Amino acid sequence: MSDASVASYDPITNDQDTSSSVLATSDEAAPKTQIIAIYGKGGIGKSFTLANLSYMMAQTDKKTLLIGCDPKSDTTSLLFGGKACPTIIETSSKKKAAGEETQVGDVCFVRDGVFAMELGGPEVGRGCGGRGIIHGFETLEKLGFHDWDFDYVLLDFLGDVVCGGFGLPIARDMCQKVIVVASNDLQSLYVANNVCSAVEYFRKLGGNVGVAGMVINKDDGTGEASAFCKAVGIPV
């Protein structure tokens, strides 16, 4: 990628058993903007995977927005040469204190064709990370998030917390598909199972979100993650 300059932005399968209760299915009437939420345990490589995926999409002329949904706010730093983007929560709080309205250009930045935002979160010990996610999405909706005309919106979510805030895209049908990043270790597969269970639960309640598949990172060749995917009925 090119230099680390940052600009603000203001927008005007593999064969599988399709009987799986969590597997995402194709839909000819799917909306133009495909919203995909990526889940996985901390440190499994979600941000690395998303930085490369979003960059690849942008290089193929797909208008792509990457949103970090983790209080660490490190999803977009790889794209911006290690620089942290101002978060929506921090920026909106400062604007509110100053009696000003938050504008899209205050929280959305672009580099190498990838548009990026960080929701952020409360300082350590001073609030709920999940509630911060909810507040961040409420702010996005006020800014007209659903009218920005992107081809893809990628959401980076921490997966090893059982919290309604972090499960928001699944619970409220805010995305169409979920991708799980995992490896062959027990903890990452435990998180993957929790995510698939949440998807199955909300689909039974009438939800439409499905699991598109799993990205196996740090593969040691033991085949545990592949076996899990076969058992659940999702592609690798």
C-alpha atoms as a PDB file:
ATOM      1  CA  MET A   1       0.000   0.000   0.000  1.00  0.00           C
ATOM      2  CA  SER A   2       1.113   3.554  -0.550  1.00  0.00           C
ATOM      3  CA  ASP A   3       2.059   6.286   1.944  1.00  0.00           C
ATOM      4  CA  ALA A   4       0.289   6.632   5.260  1.00  0.00           C
ATOM      5  CA  SER A   5      -1.607   9.824   4.433  1.00  0.00           C
ATOM      6  CA  VAL A   6      -5.112   9.859   5.871  1.00  0.00           C
ATOM      7  CA  ALA A   7      -8.060  11.656   4.310  1.00  0.00           C
ATOM      8  CA  SER A   8     -11.487  12.161   5.801  1.00  0.00           C
ATOM      9  CA  TYR A   9     -14.507  11.146   3.779  1.00  0.00           C
ATOM     10  CA  ASP A  10     -18.022  12.429   3.425  1.00  0.00           C
ATOM     11  CA  PRO A  11     -20.226  10.142   1.301  1.00  0.00           C
ATOM     12  CA  ILE A  12     -23.159  12.083  -0.594  1.00  0.00           C
ATOM     13  CA  THR A  13     -18.296 -21.753  -2.442  1.00  0.00           C
ATOM     14  CA  ASN A  14     -17.363 -24.824  -1.583  1.00  0.00           C
ATOM     15  CA  ASP A  15     -20.028 -27.584  -1.864  1.00  0.00           C
ATOM     16  CA  GLN A  16     -21.666 -28.003   1.527  1.00  0.00           C
ATOM     17  CA  ASP A  17     -24.828 -29.339   3.070  1.00  0.00           C
ATOM     18  CA  THR A  18     -27.262 -26.479   2.468  1.00  0.00           C
ATOM     19  CA  SER A  19     -29.656 -27.941   5.010  1.00  0.00           C
ATOM     20  CA  SER A  20     -27.518 -26.380   7.758  1.00  0.00           C
ATOM     21  CA  SER A  21     -29.635 -24.164   9.990  1.00  0.00           C
ATOM     22  CA  VAL A  22     -26.898 -21.529  10.193  1.00  0.00           C
ATOM     23  CA  LEU A  23     -25.470 -21.504   6.651  1.00  0.00           C
ATOM     24  CA  ALA A  24     -25.968 -18.286   4.692  1.00  0.00           C
ATOM     25  CA  THR A  25     -27.863 -18.751   1.439  1.00  0.00           C
ATOM     26  CA  SER A  26     -27.729 -16.710  -1.753  1.00  0.00           C
ATOM     27  CA  ASP A  27     -30.646 -14.408  -2.429  1.00  0.00           C
ATOM     28  CA  GLU A  28     -31.349 -12.853  -5.826  1.00  0.00           C
ATOM     29  CA  ALA A  29     -33.161 -10.019  -4.066  1.00  0.00           C
ATOM     30  CA  ALA A  30     -30.187  -9.238  -1.810  1.00  0.00           C
ATOM     31  CA  PRO A  31     -29.571  -5.526  -1.169  1.00  0.00           C
ATOM     32  CA  LYS A  32     -26.865  -3.765  -3.155  1.00  0.00           C
ATOM     33  CA  THR A  33     -24.786  -3.207  -0.012  1.00  0.00           C
ATOM     34  CA  GLN A  34     -23.559  -6.489   1.414  1.00  0.00           C
ATOM     35  CA  ILE A  35     -22.861  -6.143   5.144  1.00  0.00           C
ATOM     36  CA  ILE A  36     -20.605  -8.868   6.526  1.00  0.00           C
ATOM     37  CA  ALA A  37     -19.709  -9.232  10.206  1.00  0.00           C
ATOM     38  CA  ILE A  38     -16.463 -10.996  11.082  1.00  0.00           C
ATOM     39  CA  TYR A  39     -16.218 -12.673  14.498  1.00  0.00           C
ATOM     40  CA  GLY A  40     -13.431 -14.503  16.289  1.00  0.00           C
ATOM     41  CA  LYS A  41     -11.504 -14.685  19.544  1.00  0.00           C
ATOM     42  CA  GLY A  42      -9.095 -11.902  20.446  1.00  0.00           C
ATOM     43  CA  GLY A  43      -5.728 -12.231  18.697  1.00  0.00           C
ATOM     44  CA  ILE A  44      -6.919 -14.762  16.110  1.00  0.00           C
ATOM     45  CA  GLY A  45      -6.222 -12.424  13.180  1.00  0.00           C
ATOM     46  CA  LYS A  46      -9.568 -10.752  12.397  1.00  0.00           C
ATOM     47  CA  SER A  47      -8.074  -7.304  11.846  1.00  0.00           C
ATOM     48  CA  PHE A  48      -5.266  -8.686   9.682  1.00  0.00           C
ATOM     49  CA  THR A  49      -7.767 -10.677   7.619  1.00  0.00           C
ATOM     50  CA  LEU A  50     -10.105  -7.708   7.216  1.00  0.00           C
ATOM     51  CA  ALA A  51      -7.362  -5.237   6.319  1.00  0.00           C
ATOM     52  CA  ASN A  52      -6.255  -7.488   3.483  1.00  0.00           C
ATOM     53  CA  LEU A  53      -9.804  -8.357   2.409  1.00  0.00           C
ATOM     54  CA  SER A  54     -10.960  -4.721   2.324  1.00  0.00           C
ATOM     55  CA  TYR A  55      -7.826  -3.662   0.418  1.00  0.00           C
ATOM     56  CA  MET A  56      -8.349  -6.439  -2.121  1.00  0.00           C
ATOM     57  CA  MET A  57     -11.985  -5.439  -2.595  1.00  0.00           C
ATOM     58  CA  ALA A  58     -11.041  -1.789  -3.117  1.00  0.00           C
ATOM     59  CA  GLN A  59      -8.425  -2.767  -5.704  1.00  0.00           C
ATOM     60  CA  THR A  60     -11.137  -4.583  -7.679  1.00  0.00           C
ATOM     61  CA  ASP A  61     -13.256  -1.404  -7.774  1.00  0.00           C
ATOM     62  CA  LYS A  62     -15.622  -2.438  -5.001  1.00  0.00           C
ATOM     63  CA  LYS A  63     -16.617   0.487  -2.808  1.00  0.00           C
ATOM     64  CA  THR A  64     -15.765  -0.899   0.624  1.00  0.00           C
ATOM     65  CA  LEU A  65     -16.234   0.407   4.169  1.00  0.00           C
ATOM     66  CA  LEU A  66     -14.351  -1.227   7.047  1.00  0.00           C
ATOM     67  CA  ILE A  67     -15.742  -0.590  10.546  1.00  0.00           C
ATOM     68  CA  GLY A  68     -13.846  -1.593  13.667  1.00  0.00           C
ATOM     69  CA  CYS A  69     -16.280  -2.687  16.381  1.00  0.00           C
ATOM     70  CA  ASP A  70     -13.793  -3.416  19.155  1.00  0.00           C
ATOM     71  CA  PRO A  71     -12.988  -1.130  22.111  1.00  0.00           C
ATOM     72  CA  LYS A  72      -9.278  -1.587  21.304  1.00  0.00           C
ATOM     73  CA  SER A  73      -9.915   0.395  18.090  1.00  0.00           C
ATOM     74  CA  ASP A  74      -7.112  -1.370  16.227  1.00  0.00           C
ATOM     75  CA  THR A  75      -8.993  -2.760  13.229  1.00  0.00           C
ATOM     76  CA  THR A  76      -7.963  -0.049  10.776  1.00  0.00           C
ATOM     77  CA  SER A  77      -4.429   0.684  12.008  1.00  0.00           C
ATOM     78  CA  LEU A  78      -2.778  -1.707   9.547  1.00  0.00           C
ATOM     79  CA  LEU A  79      -4.369   0.161   6.638  1.00  0.00           C
ATOM     80  CA  PHE A  80      -3.191   3.506   7.980  1.00  0.00           C
ATOM     81  CA  GLY A  81       0.422   2.618   8.636  1.00  0.00           C
ATOM     82  CA  GLY A  82      -0.066   2.081  12.357  1.00  0.00           C
ATOM     83  CA  LYS A  83      -2.029   5.289  12.884  1.00  0.00           C
ATOM     84  CA  ALA A  84      -5.236   5.139  14.911  1.00  0.00           C
ATOM     85  CA  CYS A  85      -8.371   6.676  13.421  1.00  0.00           C
ATOM     86  CA  PRO A  86     -10.378   8.966  15.729  1.00  0.00           C
ATOM     87  CA  THR A  87     -13.253   6.868  17.053  1.00  0.00           C
ATOM     88  CA  ILE A  88     -16.940   7.627  16.657  1.00  0.00           C
ATOM     89  CA  ILE A  89     -17.592   7.477  20.416  1.00  0.00           C
ATOM     90  CA  GLU A  90     -14.712   9.789  21.344  1.00  0.00           C
ATOM     91  CA  THR A  91     -15.391  12.238  18.518  1.00  0.00           C
ATOM     92  CA  SER A  92     -19.144  12.415  19.111  1.00  0.00           C
ATOM     93  CA  SER A  93     -18.566  12.992  22.849  1.00  0.00           C
ATOM     94  CA  LYS A  94     -16.179  15.877  22.155  1.00  0.00           C
ATOM     95  CA  LYS A  95     -18.537  17.387  19.585  1.00  0.00           C
ATOM     96  CA  LYS A  96     -21.480  17.134  21.969  1.00  0.00           C
ATOM     97  CA  ALA A  97     -19.504  18.814  24.761  1.00  0.00           C
ATOM     98  CA  ALA A  98     -18.650  21.635  22.349  1.00  0.00           C
ATOM     99  CA  GLY A  99     -22.275  22.002  21.261  1.00  0.00           C
ATOM    100  CA  GLU A 100     -21.529  20.779  17.742  1.00  0.00           C
ATOM    101  CA  GLU A 101     -23.008  18.084  15.527  1.00  0.00           C
ATOM    102  CA  THR A 102     -20.876  15.134  14.438  1.00  0.00           C
ATOM    103  CA  GLN A 103     -20.390  15.021  10.663  1.00  0.00           C
ATOM    104  CA  VAL A 104     -19.471  11.987   8.579  1.00  0.00           C
ATOM    105  CA  GLY A 105     -16.144  13.544   7.648  1.00  0.00           C
ATOM    106  CA  ASP A 106     -15.211  13.693  11.330  1.00  0.00           C
ATOM    107  CA  VAL A 107     -15.263   9.921  11.735  1.00  0.00           C
ATOM    108  CA  CYS A 108     -14.805   8.358   8.267  1.00  0.00           C
ATOM    109  CA  PHE A 109     -11.367   8.196   6.636  1.00  0.00           C
ATOM    110  CA  VAL A 110      -9.998   6.793   3.387  1.00  0.00           C
ATOM    111  CA  ARG A 111      -6.731   5.319   2.214  1.00  0.00           C
ATOM    112  CA  ASP A 112      -5.909   3.314  -0.898  1.00  0.00           C
ATOM    113  CA  GLY A 113      -9.603   3.229  -1.793  1.00  0.00           C
ATOM    114  CA  VAL A 114     -10.719   1.727   1.529  1.00  0.00           C
ATOM    115  CA  PHE A 115     -13.080   3.790   3.678  1.00  0.00           C
ATOM    116  CA  ALA A 116     -12.621   3.133   7.383  1.00  0.00           C
ATOM    117  CA  MET A 117     -14.176   3.940  10.744  1.00  0.00           C
ATOM    118  CA  GLU A 118     -13.661   2.885  14.349  1.00  0.00           C
ATOM    119  CA  LEU A 119     -16.604   2.742  16.765  1.00  0.00           C
ATOM    120  CA  GLY A 120     -14.324   2.788  19.813  1.00  0.00           C
ATOM    121  CA  GLY A 121     -15.377   2.177  23.391  1.00  0.00           C
ATOM    122  CA  PRO A 122     -15.202   3.471  26.954  1.00  0.00           C
ATOM    123  CA  GLU A 123     -11.956   3.858  28.870  1.00  0.00           C
ATOM    124  CA  VAL A 124     -10.892   0.844  30.920  1.00  0.00           C
ATOM    125  CA  GLY A 125     -13.124   0.381  33.967  1.00  0.00           C
ATOM    126  CA  ARG A 126     -15.413   3.260  33.017  1.00  0.00           C
ATOM    127  CA  GLY A 127     -18.211   1.696  31.049  1.00  0.00           C
ATOM    128  CA  CYS A 128     -19.619  -1.201  29.046  1.00  0.00           C
ATOM    129  CA  GLY A 129     -17.938  -2.114  25.764  1.00  0.00           C
ATOM    130  CA  GLY A 130     -21.130  -3.641  24.395  1.00  0.00           C
ATOM    131  CA  ARG A 131     -23.122  -0.519  25.244  1.00  0.00           C
ATOM    132  CA  GLY A 132     -20.441   1.475  23.455  1.00  0.00           C
ATOM    133  CA  ILE A 133     -21.029  -0.586  20.320  1.00  0.00           C
ATOM    134  CA  ILE A 134     -24.774   0.110  20.519  1.00  0.00           C
ATOM    135  CA  HIS A 135     -24.122   3.854  20.948  1.00  0.00           C
ATOM    136  CA  GLY A 136     -21.743   3.793  17.996  1.00  0.00           C
ATOM    137  CA  PHE A 137     -24.298   2.213  15.684  1.00  0.00           C
ATOM    138  CA  GLU A 138     -26.990   4.606  16.862  1.00  0.00           C
ATOM    139  CA  THR A 139     -24.662   7.451  15.841  1.00  0.00           C
ATOM    140  CA  LEU A 140     -24.029   5.796  12.468  1.00  0.00           C
ATOM    141  CA  GLU A 141     -27.765   5.544  11.835  1.00  0.00           C
ATOM    142  CA  LYS A 142     -28.162   9.258  12.603  1.00  0.00           C
ATOM    143  CA  LEU A 143     -25.436   9.953  10.033  1.00  0.00           C
ATOM    144  CA  GLY A 144     -27.386   8.016   7.380  1.00  0.00           C
ATOM    145  CA  PHE A 145     -25.302   4.837   7.447  1.00  0.00           C
ATOM    146  CA  HIS A 146     -27.807   2.857   5.369  1.00  0.00           C
ATOM    147  CA  ASP A 147     -27.794   5.410   2.527  1.00  0.00           C
ATOM    148  CA  TRP A 148     -24.051   5.541   1.835  1.00  0.00           C
ATOM    149  CA  ASP A 149     -24.201   3.274  -1.220  1.00  0.00           C
ATOM    150  CA  PHE A 150     -21.234   0.978  -0.506  1.00  0.00           C
ATOM    151  CA  ASP A 151     -20.799  -2.371  -2.243  1.00  0.00           C
ATOM    152  CA  TYR A 152     -19.466  -3.981   0.941  1.00  0.00           C
ATOM    153  CA  VAL A 153     -19.439  -3.039   4.613  1.00  0.00           C
ATOM    154  CA  LEU A 154     -17.146  -5.176   6.763  1.00  0.00           C
ATOM    155  CA  LEU A 155     -17.649  -5.224  10.532  1.00  0.00           C
ATOM    156  CA  ASP A 156     -14.862  -6.432  12.838  1.00  0.00           C
ATOM    157  CA  PHE A 157     -16.330  -7.868  16.067  1.00  0.00           C
ATOM    158  CA  LEU A 158     -14.749  -9.373  19.123  1.00  0.00           C
ATOM    159  CA  GLY A 159     -16.220 -12.852  19.468  1.00  0.00           C
ATOM    160  CA  ASP A 160     -15.199 -14.120  22.895  1.00  0.00           C
ATOM    161  CA  VAL A 161     -17.596 -11.934  24.868  1.00  0.00           C
ATOM    162  CA  VAL A 162     -21.173 -13.101  25.438  1.00  0.00           C
ATOM    163  CA  CYS A 163     -22.775  -9.676  25.182  1.00  0.00           C
ATOM    164  CA  GLY A 164     -25.827  -8.292  23.423  1.00  0.00           C
ATOM    165  CA  GLY A 165     -23.867  -5.277  22.195  1.00  0.00           C
ATOM    166  CA  PHE A 166     -21.317  -7.368  20.349  1.00  0.00           C
ATOM    167  CA  GLY A 167     -24.110  -9.611  19.032  1.00  0.00           C
ATOM    168  CA  LEU A 168     -26.036  -6.628  17.651  1.00  0.00           C
ATOM    169  CA  PRO A 169     -25.595  -7.388  13.904  1.00  0.00           C
ATOM    170  CA  ILE A 170     -26.920 -10.926  14.403  1.00  0.00           C
ATOM    171  CA  ALA A 171     -29.748 -10.008  16.785  1.00  0.00           C
ATOM    172  CA  ARG A 172     -31.050  -7.070  14.744  1.00  0.00           C
ATOM    173  CA  ASP A 173     -30.366  -8.339  11.193  1.00  0.00           C
ATOM    174  CA  MET A 174     -27.849  -5.527  10.683  1.00  0.00           C
ATOM    175  CA  CYS A 175     -25.741  -7.753   8.433  1.00  0.00           C
ATOM    176  CA  GLN A 176     -26.541 -10.430   5.886  1.00  0.00           C
ATOM    177  CA  LYS A 177     -23.642 -12.766   6.581  1.00  0.00           C
ATOM    178  CA  VAL A 178     -21.187 -13.733   9.302  1.00  0.00           C
ATOM    179  CA  ILE A 179     -17.648 -15.000   8.747  1.00  0.00           C
ATOM    180  CA  VAL A 180     -15.800 -16.653  11.618  1.00  0.00           C
ATOM    181  CA  VAL A 181     -12.010 -16.456  11.889  1.00  0.00           C
ATOM    182  CA  ALA A 182     -10.599 -19.366  13.892  1.00  0.00           C
ATOM    183  CA  SER A 183      -7.747 -21.835  14.191  1.00  0.00           C
ATOM    184  CA  ASN A 184      -7.458 -25.403  15.477  1.00  0.00           C
ATOM    185  CA  ASP A 185      -7.280 -24.500  19.162  1.00  0.00           C
ATOM    186  CA  LEU A 186     -10.120 -25.156  21.584  1.00  0.00           C
ATOM    187  CA  GLN A 187     -10.768 -21.523  22.550  1.00  0.00           C
ATOM    188  CA  SER A 188     -11.182 -20.231  19.004  1.00  0.00           C
ATOM    189  CA  LEU A 189     -13.511 -23.113  18.140  1.00  0.00           C
ATOM    190  CA  TYR A 190     -15.466 -22.480  21.348  1.00  0.00           C
ATOM    191  CA  VAL A 191     -15.984 -18.897  20.137  1.00  0.00           C
ATOM    192  CA  ALA A 192     -16.932 -20.154  16.661  1.00  0.00           C
ATOM    193  CA  ASN A 193     -19.511 -22.460  18.203  1.00  0.00           C
ATOM    194  CA  ASN A 194     -20.957 -19.602  20.279  1.00  0.00           C
ATOM    195  CA  VAL A 195     -21.315 -17.457  17.160  1.00  0.00           C
ATOM    196  CA  CYS A 196     -22.996 -20.264  15.206  1.00  0.00           C
ATOM    197  CA  SER A 197     -25.309 -20.924  18.164  1.00  0.00           C
ATOM    198  CA  ALA A 198     -26.302 -17.252  18.276  1.00  0.00           C
ATOM    199  CA  VAL A 199     -27.024 -17.266  14.541  1.00  0.00           C
ATOM    200  CA  GLU A 200     -29.135 -20.407  14.879  1.00  0.00           C
ATOM    201  CA  TYR A 201     -31.057 -18.946  17.841  1.00  0.00           C
ATOM    202  CA  PHE A 202     -32.005 -15.735  16.051  1.00  0.00           C
ATOM    203  CA  ARG A 203     -32.841 -17.546  12.804  1.00  0.00           C
ATOM    204  CA  LYS A 204     -35.382 -19.578  14.785  1.00  0.00           C
ATOM    205  CA  LEU A 205     -36.874 -16.255  15.913  1.00  0.00           C
ATOM    206  CA  GLY A 206     -37.212 -15.119  12.288  1.00  0.00           C
ATOM    207  CA  GLY A 207     -33.773 -13.602  11.711  1.00  0.00           C
ATOM    208  CA  ASN A 208     -32.104 -13.754   8.312  1.00  0.00           C
ATOM    209  CA  VAL A 209     -28.393 -13.625   9.159  1.00  0.00           C
ATOM    210  CA  GLY A 210     -26.416 -16.705   8.121  1.00  0.00           C
ATOM    211  CA  VAL A 211     -22.853 -17.958   8.467  1.00  0.00           C
ATOM    212  CA  ALA A 212     -20.970 -17.644   5.177  1.00  0.00           C
ATOM    213  CA  GLY A 213     -18.062 -19.752   6.393  1.00  0.00           C
ATOM    214  CA  MET A 214     -14.823 -19.890   8.356  1.00  0.00           C
ATOM    215  CA  VAL A 215     -11.369 -18.494   7.679  1.00  0.00           C
ATOM    216  CA  ILE A 216      -8.804 -20.817   9.271  1.00  0.00           C
ATOM    217  CA  ASN A 217      -5.825 -18.751  10.398  1.00  0.00           C
ATOM    218  CA  LYS A 218      -2.630 -20.086  12.009  1.00  0.00           C
ATOM    219  CA  ASP A 219      -3.409 -23.546  10.633  1.00  0.00           C
ATOM    220  CA  ASP A 220      -1.195 -26.191  12.241  1.00  0.00           C
ATOM    221  CA  GLY A 221      -2.559 -28.951  10.041  1.00  0.00           C
ATOM    222  CA  THR A 222      -4.396 -30.890  12.752  1.00  0.00           C
ATOM    223  CA  GLY A 223      -7.742 -30.449  11.000  1.00  0.00           C
ATOM    224  CA  GLU A 224      -9.788 -29.569  14.093  1.00  0.00           C
ATOM    225  CA  ALA A 225     -11.313 -26.422  12.545  1.00  0.00           C
ATOM    226  CA  SER A 226     -12.154 -28.231   9.300  1.00  0.00           C
ATOM    227  CA  ALA A 227     -13.844 -30.992  11.290  1.00  0.00           C
ATOM    228  CA  PHE A 228     -15.861 -28.393  13.178  1.00  0.00           C
ATOM    229  CA  CYS A 229     -17.002 -26.780   9.910  1.00  0.00           C
ATOM    230  CA  LYS A 230     -18.044 -30.159   8.521  1.00  0.00           C
ATOM    231  CA  ALA A 231     -20.028 -30.927  11.670  1.00  0.00           C
ATOM    232  CA  VAL A 232     -21.785 -27.543  11.668  1.00  0.00           C
ATOM    233  CA  GLY A 233     -22.313 -27.466   7.899  1.00  0.00           C
ATOM    234  CA  ILE A 234     -20.391 -24.342   6.896  1.00  0.00           C
ATOM    235  CA  PRO A 235     -17.639 -23.963   4.260  1.00  0.00           C
ATOM    236  CA  VAL A 236     -13.972 -23.228   4.894  1.00  0.00           C
END
